[in-house]
């Protein structure tokens, strides 16, 4: 028991139990909790420590219980029964524990969401990690502010069903719609529902950061051609299902040589491969080999099979070579720099690009540079 005596001195324990004032007991509680968290305890010593923590949790002074909650809010040393007791305490005690404690199970958190009320629900919504079970419950039962907070938490996992539910419940809430739109990743179906519900500025963000289906993208382009922010090339590089995307573009007559050229110049190699495969009627794996690994004649052969104009072959060759010669460096704005360098190499290496395509690529390079400078400012 030497370790326990060193970590939990008898004088500290006496002060915790018999301290004349709440301030004295709170100071003893803080010291004891800090030592319990840091000490290496045997099973027997840990049981003694847990008993001491239960004494603290029953102290009549809120100051003592708060000292305990704040000191052990991130600690695995807190017994689950004590954590759940503190979660039912007054707000100054419960909120640090609910917001951070790693000892809660999903069952514990679900109970807090069901019976704890909006303040405790908000604490759950801010936790460093949330499962789909808990986010679904928050969306079903939480008020607008809680749901917006959970949706804005990118460490919270959401099912597609829960995100749709959030949009259904709060279709008029700018706070919730913005929180969903600014999530790092969204299912395509959620993106397409969301884009119908938001204003112009938020729509621009969605189009720039989330994938849409080929059908929806073309509807937006055709319905609002004056919108410079809607760019089929951006969506080509963002689509999660390039095979389906290029198949749809081919069906509606939009899989043009110019689109392939522009997408390749942006480094959207996966889209380029699937597009060539679609046009050539050749399986993707064989197309990939001909583009990348079949020597100097492979790319030319597959481009001819795809019916791409011979005048563009040198441009496609330059784009593939530039792609192979560049790589992401892992730094900030990595993708923007890669695409800017890709376009630079592409334009300086090829002479078969039309003036329209050249102007488009130069404009996009300028837009990318300006955006990166603004973000770095």
Protein backbone atom coordinates (compact mmCIF):
# COMPACT_ATOMS: atom_id res chain seq x y z
CA UNK A 1 0.00 0.00 0.00
CA UNK A 2 3.06 2.30 -0.15
CA UNK A 3 1.99 3.73 -3.50
CA UNK A 4 -1.47 4.55 -2.24
CA UNK A 5 -0.09 6.21 0.89
CA UNK A 6 2.24 8.32 -1.26
CA UNK A 7 -0.52 9.34 -3.64
CA UNK A 8 -3.38 9.59 -1.13
CA UNK A 9 -1.96 10.85 2.14
CA UNK A 10 -3.93 10.37 5.34
CA UNK A 11 -3.88 14.09 6.03
CA UNK A 12 -5.42 14.83 2.62
CA UNK A 13 -8.12 12.22 3.16
CA UNK A 14 -8.89 13.62 6.63
CA UNK A 15 -9.10 17.11 5.17
CA UNK A 16 -11.48 15.81 2.46
CA UNK A 17 -13.80 14.22 5.01
CA UNK A 18 -13.48 16.63 7.93
CA UNK A 19 -12.34 19.91 6.38
CA UNK A 20 -13.93 22.81 8.17
CA UNK A 21 -14.87 24.73 5.01
CA UNK A 22 -15.85 23.82 1.44
CA UNK A 23 -12.72 25.64 0.21
CA UNK A 24 -10.47 23.39 2.27
CA UNK A 25 -12.25 20.25 1.13
CA UNK A 26 -12.21 21.40 -2.51
CA UNK A 27 -8.44 21.95 -2.32
CA UNK A 28 -7.99 18.47 -0.84
CA UNK A 29 -10.29 17.02 -3.52
CA UNK A 30 -8.26 18.63 -6.32
CA UNK A 31 -4.98 17.32 -4.89
CA UNK A 32 -6.34 13.81 -4.34
CA UNK A 33 -7.91 13.62 -7.81
CA UNK A 34 -4.71 14.80 -9.45
CA UNK A 35 -2.70 12.18 -7.60
CA UNK A 36 -5.23 9.41 -8.36
CA UNK A 37 -5.05 10.30 -12.05
CA UNK A 38 -1.24 10.23 -12.13
CA UNK A 39 -0.45 7.33 -9.79
CA UNK A 40 0.12 3.74 -10.87
CA UNK A 41 -2.20 1.75 -8.61
CA UNK A 42 -2.70 -1.94 -7.95
CA UNK A 43 -6.21 -3.37 -8.13
CA UNK A 44 -6.59 -3.06 -4.37
CA UNK A 45 -5.27 0.50 -4.35
CA UNK A 46 -7.53 1.44 -7.23
CA UNK A 47 -10.56 0.19 -5.29
CA UNK A 48 -9.56 2.39 -2.36
CA UNK A 49 -9.18 5.34 -4.73
CA UNK A 50 -12.62 4.69 -6.20
CA UNK A 51 -14.14 4.63 -2.73
CA UNK A 52 -12.53 7.99 -2.00
CA UNK A 53 -13.95 9.40 -5.26
CA UNK A 54 -17.41 8.21 -4.25
CA UNK A 55 -17.03 10.13 -0.98
CA UNK A 56 -16.17 13.25 -2.96
CA UNK A 57 -19.16 12.79 -5.28
CA UNK A 58 -21.44 12.72 -2.23
CA UNK A 59 -20.00 15.86 -0.63
CA UNK A 60 -22.68 18.42 0.12
CA UNK A 61 -20.50 21.28 -1.15
CA UNK A 62 -20.86 21.98 -4.89
CA UNK A 63 -17.33 23.41 -4.86
CA UNK A 64 -15.88 20.02 -3.87
CA UNK A 65 -17.80 18.12 -6.54
CA UNK A 66 -16.83 20.68 -9.16
CA UNK A 67 -13.15 20.40 -8.22
CA UNK A 68 -13.44 16.67 -8.77
CA UNK A 69 -15.27 17.03 -12.09
CA UNK A 70 -12.82 19.54 -13.53
CA UNK A 71 -9.72 17.64 -12.40
CA UNK A 72 -10.89 14.26 -13.71
CA UNK A 73 -12.89 15.33 -16.78
CA UNK A 74 -10.37 13.70 -19.16
CA UNK A 75 -9.31 10.84 -16.91
CA UNK A 76 -9.92 7.12 -17.21
CA UNK A 77 -9.42 6.91 -13.44
CA UNK A 78 -13.00 8.05 -12.81
CA UNK A 79 -15.32 5.08 -12.12
CA UNK A 80 -18.29 4.87 -14.48
CA UNK A 81 -20.83 4.98 -11.64
CA UNK A 82 -19.28 8.18 -10.31
CA UNK A 83 -19.22 9.73 -13.78
CA UNK A 84 -22.91 8.99 -14.25
CA UNK A 85 -23.70 10.39 -10.81
CA UNK A 86 -21.86 13.60 -11.66
CA UNK A 87 -23.70 13.77 -15.00
CA UNK A 88 -26.94 14.18 -13.04
CA UNK A 89 -25.46 16.90 -10.81
CA UNK A 90 -25.87 20.66 -11.14
CA UNK A 91 -24.57 22.24 -14.34
CA UNK A 92 -21.29 23.53 -12.92
CA UNK A 93 -20.43 19.93 -11.99
CA UNK A 94 -21.96 17.91 -14.80
CA UNK A 95 -20.91 19.92 -17.85
CA UNK A 96 -17.14 19.31 -17.67
CA UNK A 97 -17.74 15.58 -17.21
CA UNK A 98 -20.38 15.25 -19.94
CA UNK A 99 -18.32 17.30 -22.39
CA UNK A 100 -15.10 15.32 -22.07
CA UNK A 101 -15.14 12.18 -19.92
CA UNK A 102 -13.90 9.13 -21.86
CA UNK A 103 -15.52 6.66 -19.45
CA UNK A 104 -19.06 7.13 -20.78
CA UNK A 105 -20.43 4.39 -23.02
CA UNK A 106 -22.90 5.09 -25.81
CA UNK A 107 -25.60 3.75 -23.51
CA UNK A 108 -24.62 6.33 -20.87
CA UNK A 109 -24.59 9.16 -23.40
CA UNK A 110 -27.91 8.08 -24.88
CA UNK A 111 -29.50 8.28 -21.43
CA UNK A 112 -28.07 11.77 -20.92
CA UNK A 113 -29.50 12.89 -24.26
CA UNK A 114 -32.94 11.40 -23.49
CA UNK A 115 -33.41 12.82 -20.00
CA UNK A 116 -30.76 15.52 -19.53
CA UNK A 117 -32.41 18.43 -21.32
CA UNK A 118 -30.94 20.94 -23.80
CA UNK A 119 -27.97 22.07 -21.69
CA UNK A 120 -26.66 18.53 -21.22
CA UNK A 121 -27.50 17.67 -24.83
CA UNK A 122 -25.33 20.60 -25.92
CA UNK A 123 -22.45 19.26 -23.82
CA UNK A 124 -22.81 15.88 -25.53
CA UNK A 125 -22.90 17.54 -28.97
CA UNK A 126 -19.51 19.18 -28.28
CA UNK A 127 -17.71 16.00 -27.22
CA UNK A 128 -14.40 15.19 -28.97
CA UNK A 129 -15.91 12.06 -30.51
CA UNK A 130 -19.47 10.94 -31.17
CA UNK A 131 -20.84 7.76 -32.74
CA UNK A 132 -23.66 7.60 -35.27
CA UNK A 133 -25.94 6.23 -32.54
CA UNK A 134 -25.55 9.36 -30.43
CA UNK A 135 -25.73 11.85 -33.31
CA UNK A 136 -28.91 10.19 -34.54
CA UNK A 137 -30.45 10.59 -31.09
CA UNK A 138 -29.33 14.23 -30.89
CA UNK A 139 -30.93 14.95 -34.28
CA UNK A 140 -34.18 13.29 -33.21
CA UNK A 141 -34.48 14.93 -29.79
CA UNK A 142 -32.25 17.99 -29.65
CA UNK A 143 -33.37 21.58 -30.27
CA UNK A 144 -32.02 23.65 -33.16
CA UNK A 145 -28.86 24.89 -31.39
CA UNK A 146 -27.90 21.38 -30.26
CA UNK A 147 -28.39 19.86 -33.71
CA UNK A 148 -26.39 22.68 -35.32
CA UNK A 149 -23.55 22.16 -32.84
CA UNK A 150 -23.47 18.41 -33.45
CA UNK A 151 -23.49 18.90 -37.24
CA UNK A 152 -20.65 21.42 -36.95
CA UNK A 153 -18.58 18.87 -35.00
CA UNK A 154 -16.47 17.10 -37.63
CA UNK A 155 -15.41 14.52 -35.04
CA UNK A 156 -19.04 13.45 -34.80
CA UNK A 157 -20.00 10.64 -37.14
CA UNK A 158 -23.37 10.93 -38.90
CA UNK A 159 -25.37 8.43 -40.88
CA UNK A 160 -26.92 9.63 -44.12
CA UNK A 161 -30.35 9.08 -42.57
CA UNK A 162 -29.52 11.33 -39.62
CA UNK A 163 -28.27 14.13 -41.86
CA UNK A 164 -31.46 13.98 -43.92
CA UNK A 165 -33.45 14.06 -40.67
CA UNK A 166 -31.58 17.18 -39.56
CA UNK A 167 -32.43 18.88 -42.85
CA UNK A 168 -36.07 17.80 -42.60
CA UNK A 169 -36.48 19.03 -39.01
CA UNK A 170 -34.69 22.33 -39.54
CA UNK A 171 -35.19 23.10 -43.22
CA UNK A 172 -35.62 26.82 -42.41
CA UNK A 173 -32.71 27.06 -39.96
CA UNK A 174 -29.72 28.88 -41.45
CA UNK A 175 -27.68 27.72 -38.45
CA UNK A 176 -28.31 24.01 -39.11
CA UNK A 177 -28.05 24.27 -42.89
CA UNK A 178 -24.71 26.04 -42.63
CA UNK A 179 -23.39 23.51 -40.11
CA UNK A 180 -24.27 20.63 -42.46
CA UNK A 181 -22.86 22.42 -45.51
CA UNK A 182 -19.52 23.06 -43.81
CA UNK A 183 -18.96 19.46 -42.75
CA UNK A 184 -15.74 18.06 -44.22
CA UNK A 185 -17.59 15.34 -46.15
CA UNK A 186 -21.20 14.74 -47.11
CA UNK A 187 -23.02 11.90 -48.87
CA UNK A 188 -23.99 12.94 -52.38
CA UNK A 189 -27.72 12.58 -51.69
CA UNK A 190 -27.45 14.94 -48.71
CA UNK A 191 -25.54 17.47 -50.83
CA UNK A 192 -28.25 17.42 -53.46
CA UNK A 193 -31.01 17.91 -50.89
CA UNK A 194 -29.08 20.68 -49.18
CA UNK A 195 -28.34 22.66 -52.32
CA UNK A 196 -32.07 23.22 -52.86
CA UNK A 197 -32.47 24.72 -49.37
CA UNK A 198 -29.67 27.27 -49.09
CA UNK A 199 -28.89 30.76 -50.30
CA UNK A 200 -26.44 31.85 -52.96
CA UNK A 201 -23.33 32.16 -50.78
CA UNK A 202 -23.77 28.79 -49.10
CA UNK A 203 -24.56 27.17 -52.45
CA UNK A 204 -21.22 28.39 -53.77
CA UNK A 205 -19.46 26.69 -50.86
CA UNK A 206 -21.34 23.43 -51.44
CA UNK A 207 -20.51 23.41 -55.15
CA UNK A 208 -16.85 24.12 -54.41
CA UNK A 209 -16.44 21.46 -51.70
CA UNK A 210 -18.95 18.63 -52.15
CA UNK A 211 -19.71 16.22 -54.97
CA UNK A 212 -22.99 16.19 -56.88
CA UNK A 213 -24.27 13.58 -59.29
CA UNK A 214 -23.72 14.21 -62.98
CA UNK A 215 -27.46 14.68 -63.44
CA UNK A 216 -27.74 17.36 -60.77
CA UNK A 217 -24.56 19.13 -61.86
CA UNK A 218 -25.80 19.40 -65.43
CA UNK A 219 -29.20 20.64 -64.27
CA UNK A 220 -27.49 23.44 -62.37
CA UNK A 221 -25.20 24.32 -65.26
CA UNK A 222 -28.00 24.34 -67.81
CA UNK A 223 -30.34 26.22 -65.48
CA UNK A 224 -27.81 28.88 -64.46
CA UNK A 225 -25.12 29.23 -67.08
CA UNK A 226 -24.22 32.67 -65.85
CA UNK A 227 -22.93 31.19 -62.58
CA UNK A 228 -19.15 31.02 -62.93
CA UNK A 229 -18.90 28.97 -59.75
CA UNK A 230 -20.63 25.97 -61.31
CA UNK A 231 -17.92 24.08 -63.14
CA UNK A 232 -18.24 20.59 -64.51
CA UNK A 233 -14.47 20.15 -64.23
CA UNK A 234 -14.62 20.71 -60.46
CA UNK A 235 -17.32 18.08 -60.11
CA UNK A 236 -15.40 15.69 -62.37
CA UNK A 237 -12.54 15.73 -59.88
CA UNK A 238 -14.81 15.43 -56.86
CA UNK A 239 -17.22 12.66 -57.85
CA UNK A 240 -17.18 9.54 -55.72
CA UNK A 241 -18.32 7.34 -58.62
CA UNK A 242 -16.39 8.36 -61.74
CA UNK A 243 -17.66 5.38 -63.74
CA UNK A 244 -21.30 6.40 -63.31
CA UNK A 245 -20.44 10.07 -63.75
CA UNK A 246 -18.76 9.61 -67.14
CA UNK A 247 -21.47 7.19 -68.28
CA UNK A 248 -24.11 9.83 -67.64
CA UNK A 249 -22.06 12.54 -69.35
CA UNK A 250 -21.72 10.29 -72.38
CA UNK A 251 -25.48 9.60 -72.47
CA UNK A 252 -26.30 13.30 -72.54
CA UNK A 253 -23.53 14.18 -74.99
CA UNK A 254 -21.36 16.11 -72.53
CA UNK A 255 -18.26 13.89 -72.47
CA UNK A 256 -16.36 16.14 -74.84
CA UNK A 257 -12.64 16.22 -75.72
CA UNK A 258 -12.49 19.71 -74.19
CA UNK A 259 -13.84 18.43 -70.87
CA UNK A 260 -11.25 15.64 -70.82
CA UNK A 261 -8.51 18.13 -71.64
CA UNK A 262 -9.52 20.54 -68.89
CA UNK A 263 -9.98 17.79 -66.30
CA UNK A 264 -6.56 16.31 -67.12
CA UNK A 265 -4.96 19.75 -66.86
CA UNK A 266 -6.38 19.99 -63.32
CA UNK A 267 -4.83 16.66 -62.40
CA UNK A 268 -8.15 14.78 -62.31
CA UNK A 269 -6.49 11.62 -63.61
CA UNK A 270 -9.08 9.17 -62.30
CA UNK A 271 -11.83 10.98 -64.19
CA UNK A 272 -9.67 11.13 -67.32
CA UNK A 273 -9.03 7.37 -67.18
CA UNK A 274 -12.71 6.49 -66.78
CA UNK A 275 -13.73 8.97 -69.48
CA UNK A 276 -11.28 7.51 -72.02
CA UNK A 277 -12.41 4.00 -71.07
CA UNK A 278 -16.05 4.99 -71.62
CA UNK A 279 -15.36 6.58 -75.00
CA UNK A 280 -13.15 3.70 -76.13
CA UNK A 281 -15.43 0.93 -74.87
CA UNK A 282 -12.40 -0.64 -73.14
CA UNK A 283 -12.38 -1.87 -69.51
CA UNK A 284 -10.88 0.60 -67.07
CA UNK A 285 -7.97 -1.62 -66.03
CA UNK A 286 -6.85 -2.01 -69.64
CA UNK A 287 -7.28 1.69 -70.28
CA UNK A 288 -5.19 2.47 -67.20
CA UNK A 289 -2.36 0.29 -68.50
CA UNK A 290 -2.42 1.94 -71.90
CA UNK A 291 -2.41 5.44 -70.41
CA UNK A 292 0.29 4.81 -67.83
CA UNK A 293 2.28 1.66 -68.54
CA UNK A 294 2.09 0.69 -72.18
CA UNK A 295 5.00 2.75 -73.50
CA UNK A 296 4.85 5.71 -75.87
CA UNK A 297 2.25 4.15 -78.16
CA UNK A 298 -0.28 3.07 -75.54
CA UNK A 299 -1.78 6.49 -74.87
CA UNK A 300 -1.97 7.27 -78.58
CA UNK A 301 -3.70 3.96 -79.32
CA UNK A 302 -6.33 4.33 -76.62
CA UNK A 303 -7.00 7.97 -77.60
CA UNK A 304 -7.54 6.88 -81.20
CA UNK A 305 -9.84 4.08 -80.01
CA UNK A 306 -11.80 6.67 -77.99
CA UNK A 307 -12.25 8.85 -81.05
CA UNK A 308 -10.41 11.81 -79.54
CA UNK A 309 -9.12 14.38 -82.08
CA UNK A 310 -5.55 13.64 -83.25
CA UNK A 311 -4.66 17.34 -82.82
CA UNK A 312 -5.14 16.93 -79.04
CA UNK A 313 -2.87 13.93 -78.61
CA UNK A 314 0.23 16.03 -77.84
CA UNK A 315 -1.79 17.90 -75.22
CA UNK A 316 -2.97 14.67 -73.61
CA UNK A 317 0.60 13.35 -73.72
CA UNK A 318 1.86 16.52 -72.02
CA UNK A 319 -0.85 16.27 -69.37
CA UNK A 320 -0.05 12.63 -68.52
CA UNK A 321 3.68 13.37 -68.40
CA UNK A 322 3.10 16.40 -66.19
CA UNK A 323 0.93 14.35 -63.84
CA UNK A 324 3.66 11.73 -63.49
CA UNK A 325 6.24 14.42 -62.83
CA UNK A 326 4.34 16.08 -59.99
CA UNK A 327 3.21 14.89 -56.59
CA UNK A 328 1.47 16.24 -53.52
CA UNK A 329 3.92 17.56 -50.92
CA UNK A 330 1.58 17.31 -47.93
CA UNK A 331 1.64 21.03 -47.11
CA UNK A 332 -1.13 23.57 -46.77
CA UNK A 333 -3.05 24.22 -50.00
CA UNK A 334 -1.36 21.14 -51.45
CA UNK A 335 -4.06 20.37 -53.99
CA UNK A 336 -4.28 23.99 -55.18
CA UNK A 337 -0.50 24.17 -55.71
CA UNK A 338 -0.48 20.82 -57.51
CA UNK A 339 -3.23 21.90 -59.88
CA UNK A 340 -1.57 25.26 -60.50
CA UNK A 341 1.75 23.58 -61.36
CA UNK A 342 -0.06 21.00 -63.46
CA UNK A 343 -1.76 23.69 -65.55
CA UNK A 344 1.52 25.61 -65.92
CA UNK A 345 3.32 22.54 -67.26
CA UNK A 346 0.37 21.61 -69.39
CA UNK A 347 0.14 25.01 -71.07
CA UNK A 348 3.89 25.37 -71.63
CA UNK A 349 4.29 21.85 -72.99
CA UNK A 350 1.44 21.59 -75.49
CA UNK A 351 0.62 23.54 -78.63
CA UNK A 352 -2.64 21.91 -79.67
CA UNK A 353 -4.91 23.45 -77.04
CA UNK A 354 -7.60 25.72 -78.42
CA UNK A 355 -7.65 29.39 -77.46
CA UNK A 356 -10.89 28.82 -75.55
CA UNK A 357 -9.37 25.99 -73.50
CA UNK A 358 -6.16 27.96 -72.92
CA UNK A 359 -8.10 30.99 -71.68
CA UNK A 360 -10.18 28.76 -69.41
CA UNK A 361 -7.08 27.13 -67.88
CA UNK A 362 -5.31 30.46 -67.40
CA UNK A 363 -8.41 31.93 -65.74
CA UNK A 364 -8.70 28.96 -63.41
CA UNK A 365 -5.01 29.20 -62.52
CA UNK A 366 -5.47 32.88 -61.64
CA UNK A 367 -8.56 32.06 -59.57
CA UNK A 368 -6.70 29.32 -57.69
CA UNK A 369 -3.72 31.62 -56.98
CA UNK A 370 -5.97 34.43 -55.72
CA UNK A 371 -7.92 32.02 -53.49
CA UNK A 372 -4.72 30.62 -51.99
CA UNK A 373 -3.34 34.10 -51.32
CA UNK A 374 -6.60 35.16 -49.66
CA UNK A 375 -6.58 32.08 -47.41
CA UNK A 376 -2.95 32.68 -46.44
CA UNK A 377 -3.53 36.35 -45.64
